[in-house]
PDB file of N, CA and C in Angstrom:
ATOM      1  N   MET A   1       0.843  -1.178   0.000  1.00  0.00           N
ATOM      2  CA  MET A   1       0.000   0.000   0.000  1.00  0.00           C
ATOM      3  C   MET A   1       0.886   1.237   0.000  1.00  0.00           C
ATOM      4  N   ALA A   2       0.484   2.266  -0.724  1.00  0.00           N
ATOM      5  CA  ALA A   2       1.231   3.515  -0.795  1.00  0.00           C
ATOM      6  C   ALA A   2       0.987   4.326   0.469  1.00  0.00           C
ATOM      7  N   GLU A   3       1.923   5.230   0.757  1.00  0.00           N
ATOM      8  CA  GLU A   3       1.745   6.084   1.917  1.00  0.00           C
ATOM      9  C   GLU A   3       1.449   7.513   1.475  1.00  0.00           C
ATOM     10  N   ILE A   4       0.726   8.247   2.298  1.00  0.00           N
ATOM     11  CA  ILE A   4       0.434   9.641   2.010  1.00  0.00           C
ATOM     12  C   ILE A   4       1.685  10.460   2.293  1.00  0.00           C
ATOM     13  N   VAL A   5       2.041  11.349   1.388  1.00  0.00           N
ATOM     14  CA  VAL A   5       3.239  12.169   1.504  1.00  0.00           C
ATOM     15  C   VAL A   5       2.841  13.604   1.818  1.00  0.00           C
ATOM     16  N   THR A   6       3.495  14.202   2.804  1.00  0.00           N
ATOM     17  CA  THR A   6       3.303  15.623   3.092  1.00  0.00           C
ATOM     18  C   THR A   6       4.664  16.293   3.107  1.00  0.00           C
ATOM     19  N   ARG A   7       4.688  17.587   2.834  1.00  0.00           N
ATOM     20  CA  ARG A   7       5.948  18.318   2.812  1.00  0.00           C
ATOM     21  C   ARG A   7       6.414  18.602   4.224  1.00  0.00           C
ATOM     22  N   ALA A   8       7.730  18.545   4.420  1.00  0.00           N
ATOM     23  CA  ALA A   8       8.315  18.857   5.722  1.00  0.00           C
ATOM     24  C   ALA A   8       8.223  20.362   5.976  1.00  0.00           C
ATOM     25  N   GLY A   9       8.161  20.737   7.222  1.00  0.00           N
ATOM     26  CA  GLY A   9       8.181  22.148   7.581  1.00  0.00           C
ATOM     27  C   GLY A   9       6.823  22.818   7.614  1.00  0.00           C
ATOM     28  N   GLY A  10       5.769  22.097   7.258  1.00  0.00           N
ATOM     29  CA  GLY A  10       4.430  22.652   7.361  1.00  0.00           C
ATOM     30  C   GLY A  10       4.096  23.722   6.344  1.00  0.00           C
ATOM     31  N   ASP A  11       4.887  23.888   5.292  1.00  0.00           N
ATOM     32  CA  ASP A  11       4.604  24.922   4.295  1.00  0.00           C
ATOM     33  C   ASP A  11       3.889  24.334   3.078  1.00  0.00           C
ATOM     34  N   GLU A  12       2.902  23.529   3.339  1.00  0.00           N
ATOM     35  CA  GLU A  12       2.159  22.837   2.288  1.00  0.00           C
ATOM     36  C   GLU A  12       1.465  23.837   1.364  1.00  0.00           C
ATOM     37  N   ARG A  13       1.758  23.739   0.067  1.00  0.00           N
ATOM     38  CA  ARG A  13       1.133  24.603  -0.921  1.00  0.00           C
ATOM     39  C   ARG A  13       0.364  23.810  -1.965  1.00  0.00           C
ATOM     40  N   ARG A  14       0.333  22.517  -1.844  1.00  0.00           N
ATOM     41  CA  ARG A  14      -0.346  21.684  -2.828  1.00  0.00           C
ATOM     42  C   ARG A  14      -1.852  21.811  -2.693  1.00  0.00           C
ATOM     43  N   LEU A  15      -2.522  21.753  -3.838  1.00  0.00           N
ATOM     44  CA  LEU A  15      -3.977  21.773  -3.841  1.00  0.00           C
ATOM     45  C   LEU A  15      -4.559  20.381  -3.659  1.00  0.00           C
ATOM     46  N   PHE A  16      -3.771  19.342  -3.994  1.00  0.00           N
ATOM     47  CA  PHE A  16      -4.229  17.957  -3.926  1.00  0.00           C
ATOM     48  C   PHE A  16      -3.278  17.149  -3.051  1.00  0.00           C
ATOM     49  N   PRO A  17      -3.776  16.172  -2.306  1.00  0.00           N
ATOM     50  CA  PRO A  17      -2.885  15.301  -1.534  1.00  0.00           C
ATOM     51  C   PRO A  17      -2.056  14.423  -2.461  1.00  0.00           C
ATOM     52  N   ARG A  18      -0.949  13.934  -1.952  1.00  0.00           N
ATOM     53  CA  ARG A  18      -0.046  13.065  -2.710  1.00  0.00           C
ATOM     54  C   ARG A  18       0.093  11.729  -2.010  1.00  0.00           C
ATOM     55  N   ALA A  19       0.452  10.715  -2.784  1.00  0.00           N
ATOM     56  CA  ALA A  19       0.756   9.392  -2.234  1.00  0.00           C
ATOM     57  C   ALA A  19       2.086   8.933  -2.814  1.00  0.00           C
ATOM     58  N   GLY A  20       2.890   8.269  -1.980  1.00  0.00           N
ATOM     59  CA  GLY A  20       4.153   7.704  -2.441  1.00  0.00           C
ATOM     60  C   GLY A  20       3.875   6.512  -3.338  1.00  0.00           C
ATOM     61  N   VAL A  21       4.013   6.716  -4.641  1.00  0.00           N
ATOM     62  CA  VAL A  21       3.703   5.678  -5.628  1.00  0.00           C
ATOM     63  C   VAL A  21       4.792   5.687  -6.688  1.00  0.00           C
ATOM     64  N   GLU A  22       5.375   4.526  -6.959  1.00  0.00           N
ATOM     65  CA  GLU A  22       6.364   4.428  -8.027  1.00  0.00           C
ATOM     66  C   GLU A  22       5.722   3.807  -9.255  1.00  0.00           C
ATOM     67  N   ARG A  23       5.780   4.546 -10.360  1.00  0.00           N
ATOM     68  CA  ARG A  23       5.281   4.076 -11.651  1.00  0.00           C
ATOM     69  C   ARG A  23       6.278   4.515 -12.718  1.00  0.00           C
ATOM     70  N   LEU A  24       6.460   3.659 -13.707  1.00  0.00           N
ATOM     71  CA  LEU A  24       7.277   4.044 -14.852  1.00  0.00           C
ATOM     72  C   LEU A  24       6.579   5.172 -15.599  1.00  0.00           C
ATOM     73  N   CYS A  25       7.354   6.051 -16.184  1.00  0.00           N
ATOM     74  CA  CYS A  25       6.768   7.090 -17.013  1.00  0.00           C
ATOM     75  C   CYS A  25       7.771   7.505 -18.075  1.00  0.00           C
ATOM     76  N   LYS A  26       7.283   8.261 -19.032  1.00  0.00           N
ATOM     77  CA  LYS A  26       8.175   8.807 -20.041  1.00  0.00           C
ATOM     78  C   LYS A  26       7.830  10.267 -20.253  1.00  0.00           C
ATOM     79  N   ILE A  27       8.864  11.016 -20.610  1.00  0.00           N
ATOM     80  CA  ILE A  27       8.773  12.455 -20.758  1.00  0.00           C
ATOM     81  C   ILE A  27       9.130  12.818 -22.197  1.00  0.00           C
ATOM     82  N   GLN A  28       8.397  13.775 -22.741  1.00  0.00           N
ATOM     83  CA  GLN A  28       8.756  14.312 -24.051  1.00  0.00           C
ATOM     84  C   GLN A  28       8.850  15.826 -23.924  1.00  0.00           C
ATOM     85  N   ARG A  29       9.939  16.367 -24.433  1.00  0.00           N
ATOM     86  CA  ARG A  29      10.138  17.812 -24.420  1.00  0.00           C
ATOM     87  C   ARG A  29       9.671  18.387 -25.754  1.00  0.00           C
ATOM     88  N   PRO A  30       9.196  19.632 -25.756  1.00  0.00           N
ATOM     89  CA  PRO A  30       8.724  20.250 -26.998  1.00  0.00           C
ATOM     90  C   PRO A  30       9.829  20.246 -28.067  1.00  0.00           C
ATOM     91  N   GLY A  31       9.456  19.881 -29.271  1.00  0.00           N
ATOM     92  CA  GLY A  31      10.398  19.868 -30.383  1.00  0.00           C
ATOM     93  C   GLY A  31      11.363  18.705 -30.391  1.00  0.00           C
ATOM     94  N   ASP A  32      11.199  17.757 -29.497  1.00  0.00           N
ATOM     95  CA  ASP A  32      12.095  16.604 -29.418  1.00  0.00           C
ATOM     96  C   ASP A  32      11.291  15.341 -29.666  1.00  0.00           C
ATOM     97  N   ALA A  33      11.704  14.543 -30.633  1.00  0.00           N
ATOM     98  CA  ALA A  33      10.996  13.310 -30.956  1.00  0.00           C
ATOM     99  C   ALA A  33      11.352  12.185 -29.981  1.00  0.00           C
ATOM    100  N   ARG A  34      12.446  12.358 -29.235  1.00  0.00           N
ATOM    101  CA  ARG A  34      12.870  11.322 -28.288  1.00  0.00           C
ATOM    102  C   ARG A  34      12.090  11.417 -26.979  1.00  0.00           C
ATOM    103  N   TYR A  35      12.043  10.299 -26.267  1.00  0.00           N
ATOM    104  CA  TYR A  35      11.416  10.249 -24.948  1.00  0.00           C
ATOM    105  C   TYR A  35      12.501  10.030 -23.900  1.00  0.00           C
ATOM    106  N   LEU A  36      12.304  10.613 -22.745  1.00  0.00           N
ATOM    107  CA  LEU A  36      13.203  10.399 -21.614  1.00  0.00           C
ATOM    108  C   LEU A  36      12.563   9.386 -20.677  1.00  0.00           C
ATOM    109  N   SER A  37      13.356   8.477 -20.148  1.00  0.00           N
ATOM    110  CA  SER A  37      12.863   7.503 -19.176  1.00  0.00           C
ATOM    111  C   SER A  37      12.776   8.155 -17.803  1.00  0.00           C
ATOM    112  N   ALA A  38      11.736   7.796 -17.066  1.00  0.00           N
ATOM    113  CA  ALA A  38      11.542   8.380 -15.745  1.00  0.00           C
ATOM    114  C   ALA A  38      10.686   7.435 -14.907  1.00  0.00           C
ATOM    115  N   PHE A  39      10.582   7.751 -13.610  1.00  0.00           N
ATOM    116  CA  PHE A  39       9.624   7.067 -12.750  1.00  0.00           C
ATOM    117  C   PHE A  39       9.163   8.038 -11.674  1.00  0.00           C
ATOM    118  N   THR A  40       7.968   7.793 -11.170  1.00  0.00           N
ATOM    119  CA  THR A  40       7.410   8.665 -10.144  1.00  0.00           C
ATOM    120  C   THR A  40       7.909   8.255  -8.767  1.00  0.00           C
ATOM    121  N   HIS A  41       8.009   9.234  -7.868  1.00  0.00           N
ATOM    122  CA  HIS A  41       8.267   8.979  -6.443  1.00  0.00           C
ATOM    123  C   HIS A  41       6.968   9.142  -5.670  1.00  0.00           C
ATOM    124  N   ASP A  42       6.224  10.202  -6.020  1.00  0.00           N
ATOM    125  CA  ASP A  42       4.902  10.408  -5.434  1.00  0.00           C
ATOM    126  C   ASP A  42       4.029  11.113  -6.457  1.00  0.00           C
ATOM    127  N   VAL A  43       2.720  10.913  -6.323  1.00  0.00           N
ATOM    128  CA  VAL A  43       1.773  11.479  -7.286  1.00  0.00           C
ATOM    129  C   VAL A  43       0.548  12.021  -6.567  1.00  0.00           C
ATOM    130  N   GLY A  44      -0.109  12.925  -7.234  1.00  0.00           N
ATOM    131  CA  GLY A  44      -1.384  13.460  -6.801  1.00  0.00           C
ATOM    132  C   GLY A  44      -2.121  13.913  -8.041  1.00  0.00           C
ATOM    133  N   GLU A  45      -3.381  14.267  -7.907  1.00  0.00           N
ATOM    134  CA  GLU A  45      -4.146  14.701  -9.084  1.00  0.00           C
ATOM    135  C   GLU A  45      -3.523  15.911  -9.753  1.00  0.00           C
ATOM    136  N   GLY A  46      -2.835  16.751  -8.987  1.00  0.00           N
ATOM    137  CA  GLY A  46      -2.307  17.992  -9.543  1.00  0.00           C
ATOM    138  C   GLY A  46      -0.863  17.947  -9.977  1.00  0.00           C
ATOM    139  N   GLY A  47      -0.120  16.882  -9.625  1.00  0.00           N
ATOM    140  CA  GLY A  47       1.290  16.852 -10.001  1.00  0.00           C
ATOM    141  C   GLY A  47       1.984  15.606  -9.506  1.00  0.00           C
ATOM    142  N   ALA A  48       3.302  15.597  -9.672  1.00  0.00           N
ATOM    143  CA  ALA A  48       4.092  14.430  -9.280  1.00  0.00           C
ATOM    144  C   ALA A  48       5.533  14.841  -9.024  1.00  0.00           C
ATOM    145  N   LEU A  49       6.219  14.026  -8.249  1.00  0.00           N
ATOM    146  CA  LEU A  49       7.655  14.125  -8.090  1.00  0.00           C
ATOM    147  C   LEU A  49       8.233  12.952  -8.861  1.00  0.00           C
ATOM    148  N   ILE A  50       9.087  13.251  -9.832  1.00  0.00           N
ATOM    149  CA  ILE A  50       9.614  12.205 -10.702  1.00  0.00           C
ATOM    150  C   ILE A  50      11.135  12.252 -10.739  1.00  0.00           C
ATOM    151  N   GLU A  51      11.719  11.138 -11.132  1.00  0.00           N
ATOM    152  CA  GLU A  51      13.149  11.062 -11.361  1.00  0.00           C
ATOM    153  C   GLU A  51      13.348  10.784 -12.840  1.00  0.00           C
ATOM    154  N   ILE A  52      14.121  11.646 -13.503  1.00  0.00           N
ATOM    155  CA  ILE A  52      14.331  11.569 -14.951  1.00  0.00           C
ATOM    156  C   ILE A  52      15.773  11.206 -15.238  1.00  0.00           C
ATOM    157  N   LEU A  53      15.971  10.309 -16.187  1.00  0.00           N
ATOM    158  CA  LEU A  53      17.301   9.983 -16.669  1.00  0.00           C
ATOM    159  C   LEU A  53      17.575  10.844 -17.899  1.00  0.00           C
ATOM    160  N   THR A  54      18.476  11.821 -17.770  1.00  0.00           N
ATOM    161  CA  THR A  54      18.802  12.705 -18.889  1.00  0.00           C
ATOM    162  C   THR A  54      20.149  13.371 -18.675  1.00  0.00           C
ATOM    163  N   ARG A  55      20.874  13.564 -19.752  1.00  0.00           N
ATOM    164  CA  ARG A  55      22.124  14.322 -19.697  1.00  0.00           C
ATOM    165  C   ARG A  55      21.881  15.790 -20.036  1.00  0.00           C
ATOM    166  N   ASP A  56      20.670  16.099 -20.493  1.00  0.00           N
ATOM    167  CA  ASP A  56      20.278  17.464 -20.845  1.00  0.00           C
ATOM    168  C   ASP A  56      19.189  17.891 -19.852  1.00  0.00           C
ATOM    169  N   PRO A  57      19.551  18.500 -18.730  1.00  0.00           N
ATOM    170  CA  PRO A  57      18.603  18.766 -17.642  1.00  0.00           C
ATOM    171  C   PRO A  57      17.395  19.604 -18.055  1.00  0.00           C
ATOM    172  N   VAL A  58      16.259  19.303 -17.453  1.00  0.00           N
ATOM    173  CA  VAL A  58      15.070  20.131 -17.610  1.00  0.00           C
ATOM    174  C   VAL A  58      15.153  21.258 -16.584  1.00  0.00           C
ATOM    175  N   ALA A  59      14.424  22.339 -16.840  1.00  0.00           N
ATOM    176  CA  ALA A  59      14.494  23.513 -15.968  1.00  0.00           C
ATOM    177  C   ALA A  59      13.110  23.903 -15.473  1.00  0.00           C
ATOM    178  N   ALA A  60      13.067  24.532 -14.311  1.00  0.00           N
ATOM    179  CA  ALA A  60      11.809  25.045 -13.772  1.00  0.00           C
ATOM    180  C   ALA A  60      11.177  25.979 -14.798  1.00  0.00           C
ATOM    181  N   GLY A  61       9.858  25.825 -14.971  1.00  0.00           N
ATOM    182  CA  GLY A  61       9.120  26.630 -15.938  1.00  0.00           C
ATOM    183  C   GLY A  61       8.983  25.976 -17.302  1.00  0.00           C
ATOM    184  N   GLU A  62       9.753  24.921 -17.550  1.00  0.00           N
ATOM    185  CA  GLU A  62       9.714  24.235 -18.846  1.00  0.00           C
ATOM    186  C   GLU A  62       8.418  23.432 -18.993  1.00  0.00           C
ATOM    187  N   SER A  63       7.833  23.491 -20.172  1.00  0.00           N
ATOM    188  CA  SER A  63       6.656  22.677 -20.492  1.00  0.00           C
ATOM    189  C   SER A  63       7.127  21.335 -21.027  1.00  0.00           C
ATOM    190  N   ILE A  64       6.477  20.267 -20.569  1.00  0.00           N
ATOM    191  CA  ILE A  64       6.793  18.918 -21.030  1.00  0.00           C
ATOM    192  C   ILE A  64       5.486  18.183 -21.262  1.00  0.00           C
ATOM    193  N   ARG A  65       5.600  16.969 -21.805  1.00  0.00           N
ATOM    194  CA  ARG A  65       4.471  16.035 -21.872  1.00  0.00           C
ATOM    195  C   ARG A  65       4.934  14.789 -21.135  1.00  0.00           C
ATOM    196  N   ILE A  66       4.037  14.228 -20.312  1.00  0.00           N
ATOM    197  CA  ILE A  66       4.394  13.061 -19.502  1.00  0.00           C
ATOM    198  C   ILE A  66       3.338  11.977 -19.662  1.00  0.00           C
ATOM    199  N   GLY A  67       3.801  10.763 -19.744  1.00  0.00           N
ATOM    200  CA  GLY A  67       2.928   9.596 -19.743  1.00  0.00           C
ATOM    201  C   GLY A  67       3.311   8.718 -18.567  1.00  0.00           C
ATOM    202  N   VAL A  68       2.340   8.357 -17.750  1.00  0.00           N
ATOM    203  CA  VAL A  68       2.592   7.535 -16.564  1.00  0.00           C
ATOM    204  C   VAL A  68       1.905   6.189 -16.754  1.00  0.00           C
ATOM    205  N   SER A  69       2.607   5.131 -16.430  1.00  0.00           N
ATOM    206  CA  SER A  69       2.037   3.789 -16.515  1.00  0.00           C
ATOM    207  C   SER A  69       1.213   3.518 -15.260  1.00  0.00           C
ATOM    208  N   TRP A  70       0.038   4.131 -15.203  1.00  0.00           N
ATOM    209  CA  TRP A  70      -0.830   3.993 -14.024  1.00  0.00           C
ATOM    210  C   TRP A  70      -1.180   2.532 -13.748  1.00  0.00           C
ATOM    211  N   ASP A  71      -1.297   1.723 -14.808  1.00  0.00           N
ATOM    212  CA  ASP A  71      -1.722   0.326 -14.666  1.00  0.00           C
ATOM    213  C   ASP A  71      -0.563  -0.669 -14.792  1.00  0.00           C
ATOM    214  N   HIS A  72       0.665  -0.191 -14.651  1.00  0.00           N
ATOM    215  CA  HIS A  72       1.884  -1.020 -14.697  1.00  0.00           C
ATOM    216  C   HIS A  72       2.167  -1.635 -16.064  1.00  0.00           C
ATOM    217  N   ARG A  73       1.528  -1.175 -17.109  1.00  0.00           N
ATOM    218  CA  ARG A  73       1.844  -1.703 -18.438  1.00  0.00           C
ATOM    219  C   ARG A  73       3.217  -1.196 -18.864  1.00  0.00           C
ATOM    220  N   PRO A  74       3.998  -2.043 -19.558  1.00  0.00           N
ATOM    221  CA  PRO A  74       5.366  -1.641 -19.910  1.00  0.00           C
ATOM    222  C   PRO A  74       5.431  -0.588 -21.026  1.00  0.00           C
ATOM    223  N   LEU A  75       4.401  -0.486 -21.835  1.00  0.00           N
ATOM    224  CA  LEU A  75       4.400   0.491 -22.922  1.00  0.00           C
ATOM    225  C   LEU A  75       3.412   1.608 -22.627  1.00  0.00           C
ATOM    226  N   ILE A  76       3.854   2.833 -22.857  1.00  0.00           N
ATOM    227  CA  ILE A  76       3.003   4.005 -22.688  1.00  0.00           C
ATOM    228  C   ILE A  76       2.820   4.613 -24.071  1.00  0.00           C
ATOM    229  N   LYS A  77       1.598   4.639 -24.539  1.00  0.00           N
ATOM    230  CA  LYS A  77       1.324   5.148 -25.881  1.00  0.00           C
ATOM    231  C   LYS A  77       1.464   6.666 -25.937  1.00  0.00           C
ATOM    232  N   ARG A  78       1.872   7.158 -27.075  1.00  0.00           N
ATOM    233  CA  ARG A  78       2.039   8.597 -27.293  1.00  0.00           C
ATOM    234  C   ARG A  78       0.756   9.357 -26.963  1.00  0.00           C
ATOM    235  N   GLU A  79      -0.405   8.762 -27.270  1.00  0.00           N
ATOM    236  CA  GLU A  79      -1.687   9.407 -27.024  1.00  0.00           C
ATOM    237  C   GLU A  79      -1.970   9.574 -25.529  1.00  0.00           C
ATOM    238  N   ALA A  80      -1.258   8.828 -24.690  1.00  0.00           N
ATOM    239  CA  ALA A  80      -1.480   8.891 -23.242  1.00  0.00           C
ATOM    240  C   ALA A  80      -0.693  10.027 -22.580  1.00  0.00           C
ATOM    241  N   LEU A  81       0.187  10.689 -23.325  1.00  0.00           N
ATOM    242  CA  LEU A  81       0.968  11.778 -22.749  1.00  0.00           C
ATOM    243  C   LEU A  81       0.096  13.004 -22.510  1.00  0.00           C
ATOM    244  N   VAL A  82       0.302  13.650 -21.366  1.00  0.00           N
ATOM    245  CA  VAL A  82      -0.462  14.838 -20.996  1.00  0.00           C
ATOM    246  C   VAL A  82       0.508  15.987 -20.731  1.00  0.00           C
ATOM    247  N   PRO A  83       0.054  17.218 -20.936  1.00  0.00           N
ATOM    248  CA  PRO A  83       0.939  18.363 -20.692  1.00  0.00           C
ATOM    249  C   PRO A  83       1.166  18.609 -19.201  1.00  0.00           C
ATOM    250  N   ALA A  84       2.372  19.059 -18.889  1.00  0.00           N
ATOM    251  CA  ALA A  84       2.747  19.384 -17.516  1.00  0.00           C
ATOM    252  C   ALA A  84       3.792  20.493 -17.553  1.00  0.00           C
ATOM    253  N   VAL A  85       4.005  21.115 -16.408  1.00  0.00           N
ATOM    254  CA  VAL A  85       5.005  22.172 -16.277  1.00  0.00           C
ATOM    255  C   VAL A  85       5.954  21.795 -15.144  1.00  0.00           C
ATOM    256  N   VAL A  86       7.250  21.986 -15.375  1.00  0.00           N
ATOM    257  CA  VAL A  86       8.258  21.711 -14.356  1.00  0.00           C
ATOM    258  C   VAL A  86       8.202  22.833 -13.317  1.00  0.00           C
ATOM    259  N   VAL A  87       7.996  22.457 -12.057  1.00  0.00           N
ATOM    260  CA  VAL A  87       7.922  23.424 -10.963  1.00  0.00           C
ATOM    261  C   VAL A  87       9.308  23.651 -10.367  1.00  0.00           C
ATOM    262  N   ARG A  88      10.047  22.564 -10.169  1.00  0.00           N
ATOM    263  CA  ARG A  88      11.425  22.678  -9.698  1.00  0.00           C
ATOM    264  C   ARG A  88      12.193  21.450 -10.160  1.00  0.00           C
ATOM    265  N   ALA A  89      13.508  21.605 -10.234  1.00  0.00           N
ATOM    266  CA  ALA A  89      14.364  20.508 -10.678  1.00  0.00           C
ATOM    267  C   ALA A  89      15.677  20.580  -9.917  1.00  0.00           C
ATOM    268  N   GLU A  90      16.175  19.415  -9.524  1.00  0.00           N
ATOM    269  CA  GLU A  90      17.455  19.352  -8.834  1.00  0.00           C
ATOM    270  C   GLU A  90      18.247  18.168  -9.363  1.00  0.00           C
ATOM    271  N   PRO A  91      19.551  18.347  -9.538  1.00  0.00           N
ATOM    272  CA  PRO A  91      20.375  17.244 -10.021  1.00  0.00           C
ATOM    273  C   PRO A  91      20.574  16.195  -8.932  1.00  0.00           C
ATOM    274  N   LEU A  92      20.591  14.933  -9.359  1.00  0.00           N
ATOM    275  CA  LEU A  92      20.885  13.832  -8.438  1.00  0.00           C
ATOM    276  C   LEU A  92      22.212  13.172  -8.785  1.00  0.00           C
ATOM    277  N   GLY A  93      22.677  13.393  -9.987  1.00  0.00           N
ATOM    278  CA  GLY A  93      23.913  12.805 -10.468  1.00  0.00           C
ATOM    279  C   GLY A  93      24.187  13.361 -11.852  1.00  0.00           C
ATOM    280  N   SER A  94      25.151  12.775 -12.542  1.00  0.00           N
ATOM    281  CA  SER A  94      25.534  13.313 -13.841  1.00  0.00           C
ATOM    282  C   SER A  94      24.451  13.138 -14.902  1.00  0.00           C
ATOM    283  N   ALA A  95      23.567  12.178 -14.736  1.00  0.00           N
ATOM    284  CA  ALA A  95      22.544  11.935 -15.763  1.00  0.00           C
ATOM    285  C   ALA A  95      21.160  11.729 -15.157  1.00  0.00           C
ATOM    286  N   THR A  96      20.937  12.229 -13.947  1.00  0.00           N
ATOM    287  CA  THR A  96      19.662  12.023 -13.277  1.00  0.00           C
ATOM    288  C   THR A  96      19.220  13.307 -12.596  1.00  0.00           C
ATOM    289  N   GLN A  97      17.915  13.564 -12.658  1.00  0.00           N
ATOM    290  CA  GLN A  97      17.321  14.722 -11.992  1.00  0.00           C
ATOM    291  C   GLN A  97      16.083  14.307 -11.226  1.00  0.00           C
ATOM    292  N   ARG A  98      15.832  14.970 -10.107  1.00  0.00           N
ATOM    293  CA  ARG A  98      14.550  14.858  -9.411  1.00  0.00           C
ATOM    294  C   ARG A  98      13.773  16.114  -9.788  1.00  0.00           C
ATOM    295  N   VAL A  99      12.547  15.905 -10.298  1.00  0.00           N
ATOM    296  CA  VAL A  99      11.778  17.006 -10.863  1.00  0.00           C
ATOM    297  C   VAL A  99      10.356  16.982 -10.302  1.00  0.00           C
ATOM    298  N   ALA A 100       9.898  18.131  -9.837  1.00  0.00           N
ATOM    299  CA  ALA A 100       8.506  18.288  -9.412  1.00  0.00           C
ATOM    300  C   ALA A 100       7.752  18.890 -10.593  1.00  0.00           C
ATOM    301  N   ILE A 101       6.618  18.277 -10.935  1.00  0.00           N
ATOM    302  CA  ILE A 101       5.824  18.781 -12.051  1.00  0.00           C
ATOM    303  C   ILE A 101       4.392  19.067 -11.598  1.00  0.00           C
ATOM    304  N   ARG A 102       3.765  19.963 -12.326  1.00  0.00           N
ATOM    305  CA  ARG A 102       2.334  20.259 -12.136  1.00  0.00           C
ATOM    306  C   ARG A 102       1.637  19.870 -13.416  1.00  0.00           C
ATOM    307  N   PHE A 103       0.630  18.998 -13.313  1.00  0.00           N
ATOM    308  CA  PHE A 103      -0.166  18.645 -14.481  1.00  0.00           C
ATOM    309  C   PHE A 103      -0.987  19.858 -14.902  1.00  0.00           C
ATOM    310  N   VAL A 104      -1.106  20.084 -16.204  1.00  0.00           N
ATOM    311  CA  VAL A 104      -1.921  21.192 -16.692  1.00  0.00           C
ATOM    312  C   VAL A 104      -3.392  20.940 -16.351  1.00  0.00           C
ATOM    313  N   GLU A 105      -3.823  19.680 -16.452  1.00  0.00           N
ATOM    314  CA  GLU A 105      -5.170  19.265 -16.040  1.00  0.00           C
ATOM    315  C   GLU A 105      -5.019  18.158 -15.016  1.00  0.00           C
ATOM    316  N   SER A 106      -5.893  18.145 -14.004  1.00  0.00           N
ATOM    317  CA  SER A 106      -5.777  17.127 -12.962  1.00  0.00           C
ATOM    318  C   SER A 106      -5.917  15.723 -13.563  1.00  0.00           C
ATOM    319  N   GLN A 107      -5.241  14.774 -12.942  1.00  0.00           N
ATOM    320  CA  GLN A 107      -5.195  13.398 -13.430  1.00  0.00           C
ATOM    321  C   GLN A 107      -5.965  12.490 -12.475  1.00  0.00           C
ATOM    322  N   ALA A 108      -7.116  12.019 -12.931  1.00  0.00           N
ATOM    323  CA  ALA A 108      -7.999  11.195 -12.098  1.00  0.00           C
ATOM    324  C   ALA A 108      -7.310   9.913 -11.639  1.00  0.00           C
ATOM    325  N   GLU A 109      -6.475   9.317 -12.497  1.00  0.00           N
ATOM    326  CA  GLU A 109      -5.800   8.071 -12.116  1.00  0.00           C
ATOM    327  C   GLU A 109      -4.928   8.282 -10.886  1.00  0.00           C
ATOM    328  N   ALA A 110      -4.244   9.416 -10.822  1.00  0.00           N
ATOM    329  CA  ALA A 110      -3.405   9.720  -9.668  1.00  0.00           C
ATOM    330  C   ALA A 110      -4.270   9.893  -8.424  1.00  0.00           C
ATOM    331  N   GLY A 111      -5.394  10.576  -8.574  1.00  0.00           N
ATOM    332  CA  GLY A 111      -6.303  10.763  -7.443  1.00  0.00           C
ATOM    333  C   GLY A 111      -6.803   9.443  -6.891  1.00  0.00           C
ATOM    334  N   GLU A 112      -7.067   8.485  -7.777  1.00  0.00           N
ATOM    335  CA  GLU A 112      -7.526   7.168  -7.337  1.00  0.00           C
ATOM    336  C   GLU A 112      -6.453   6.464  -6.506  1.00  0.00           C
ATOM    337  N   LEU A 113      -5.184   6.593  -6.915  1.00  0.00           N
ATOM    338  CA  LEU A 113      -4.097   5.986  -6.147  1.00  0.00           C
ATOM    339  C   LEU A 113      -3.962   6.632  -4.773  1.00  0.00           C
ATOM    340  N   VAL A 114      -4.125   7.950  -4.723  1.00  0.00           N
ATOM    341  CA  VAL A 114      -4.043   8.658  -3.437  1.00  0.00           C
ATOM    342  C   VAL A 114      -5.179   8.217  -2.530  1.00  0.00           C
ATOM    343  N   ARG A 115      -6.396   8.158  -3.055  1.00  0.00           N
ATOM    344  CA  ARG A 115      -7.534   7.738  -2.237  1.00  0.00           C
ATOM    345  C   ARG A 115      -7.352   6.304  -1.741  1.00  0.00           C
ATOM    346  N   ALA A 116      -6.794   5.440  -2.572  1.00  0.00           N
ATOM    347  CA  ALA A 116      -6.553   4.055  -2.159  1.00  0.00           C
ATOM    348  C   ALA A 116      -5.532   3.987  -1.038  1.00  0.00           C
ATOM    349  N   ALA A 117      -4.620   4.966  -0.987  1.00  0.00           N
ATOM    350  CA  ALA A 117      -3.572   4.973   0.035  1.00  0.00           C
ATOM    351  C   ALA A 117      -4.006   5.633   1.334  1.00  0.00           C
ATOM    352  N   SER A 118      -5.119   6.352   1.328  1.00  0.00           N
ATOM    353  CA  SER A 118      -5.522   7.087   2.519  1.00  0.00           C
ATOM    354  C   SER A 118      -5.990   6.126   3.613  1.00  0.00           C
ATOM    355  N   PRO A 119      -5.699   6.449   4.864  1.00  0.00           N
ATOM    356  CA  PRO A 119      -6.101   5.572   5.976  1.00  0.00           C
ATOM    357  C   PRO A 119      -7.607   5.357   6.045  1.00  0.00           C
ATOM    358  N   SER A 120      -8.396   6.366   5.686  1.00  0.00           N
ATOM    359  CA  SER A 120      -9.857   6.210   5.778  1.00  0.00           C
ATOM    360  C   SER A 120     -10.367   5.177   4.768  1.00  0.00           C
ATOM    361  N   SER A 121      -9.759   5.134   3.576  1.00  0.00           N
ATOM    362  CA  SER A 121     -10.203   4.135   2.608  1.00  0.00           C
ATOM    363  C   SER A 121      -9.746   2.738   3.018  1.00  0.00           C
ATOM    364  N   ALA A 122      -8.602   2.660   3.707  1.00  0.00           N
ATOM    365  CA  ALA A 122      -8.119   1.350   4.177  1.00  0.00           C
ATOM    366  C   ALA A 122      -9.067   0.808   5.247  1.00  0.00           C
ATOM    367  N   ARG A 123      -9.581   1.714   6.102  1.00  0.00           N
ATOM    368  CA  ARG A 123     -10.502   1.264   7.135  1.00  0.00           C
ATOM    369  C   ARG A 123     -11.855   0.870   6.545  1.00  0.00           C
ATOM    370  N   ALA A 124     -12.237   1.535   5.458  1.00  0.00           N
ATOM    371  CA  ALA A 124     -13.536   1.256   4.856  1.00  0.00           C
ATOM    372  C   ALA A 124     -13.518  -0.046   4.072  1.00  0.00           C
ATOM    373  N   ALA A 125     -12.326  -0.456   3.642  1.00  0.00           N
ATOM    374  CA  ALA A 125     -12.223  -1.658   2.820  1.00  0.00           C
ATOM    375  C   ALA A 125     -12.405  -2.912   3.633  1.00  0.00           C
TER     376      ALA A 125
END
């Protein structure tokens, strides 16, 4: 079961709750036909924290398209990619970044994972 994630320090600015969920995903940058490999650390209807494998770092404010394997399928179709904006990015190594993104439109699949992880839904089950 996933756990609910909250920000340290009490300065919560998120509009939607998050759950610690790892899913494969792929990123596409505007004007680039290639996809970057990534995976989520936590997700919510409004955004996600992801780890991207890239030698060409993404920057805060950059628009991207992201596809998340919500159902654990190994292939993510191009049609499944949704627009998102990079909120912050930090390097983790020479070819890896941790990136916080905001979905342009809320993602119901992420909300379902968060609700499944909440203690109240666990008690109701």
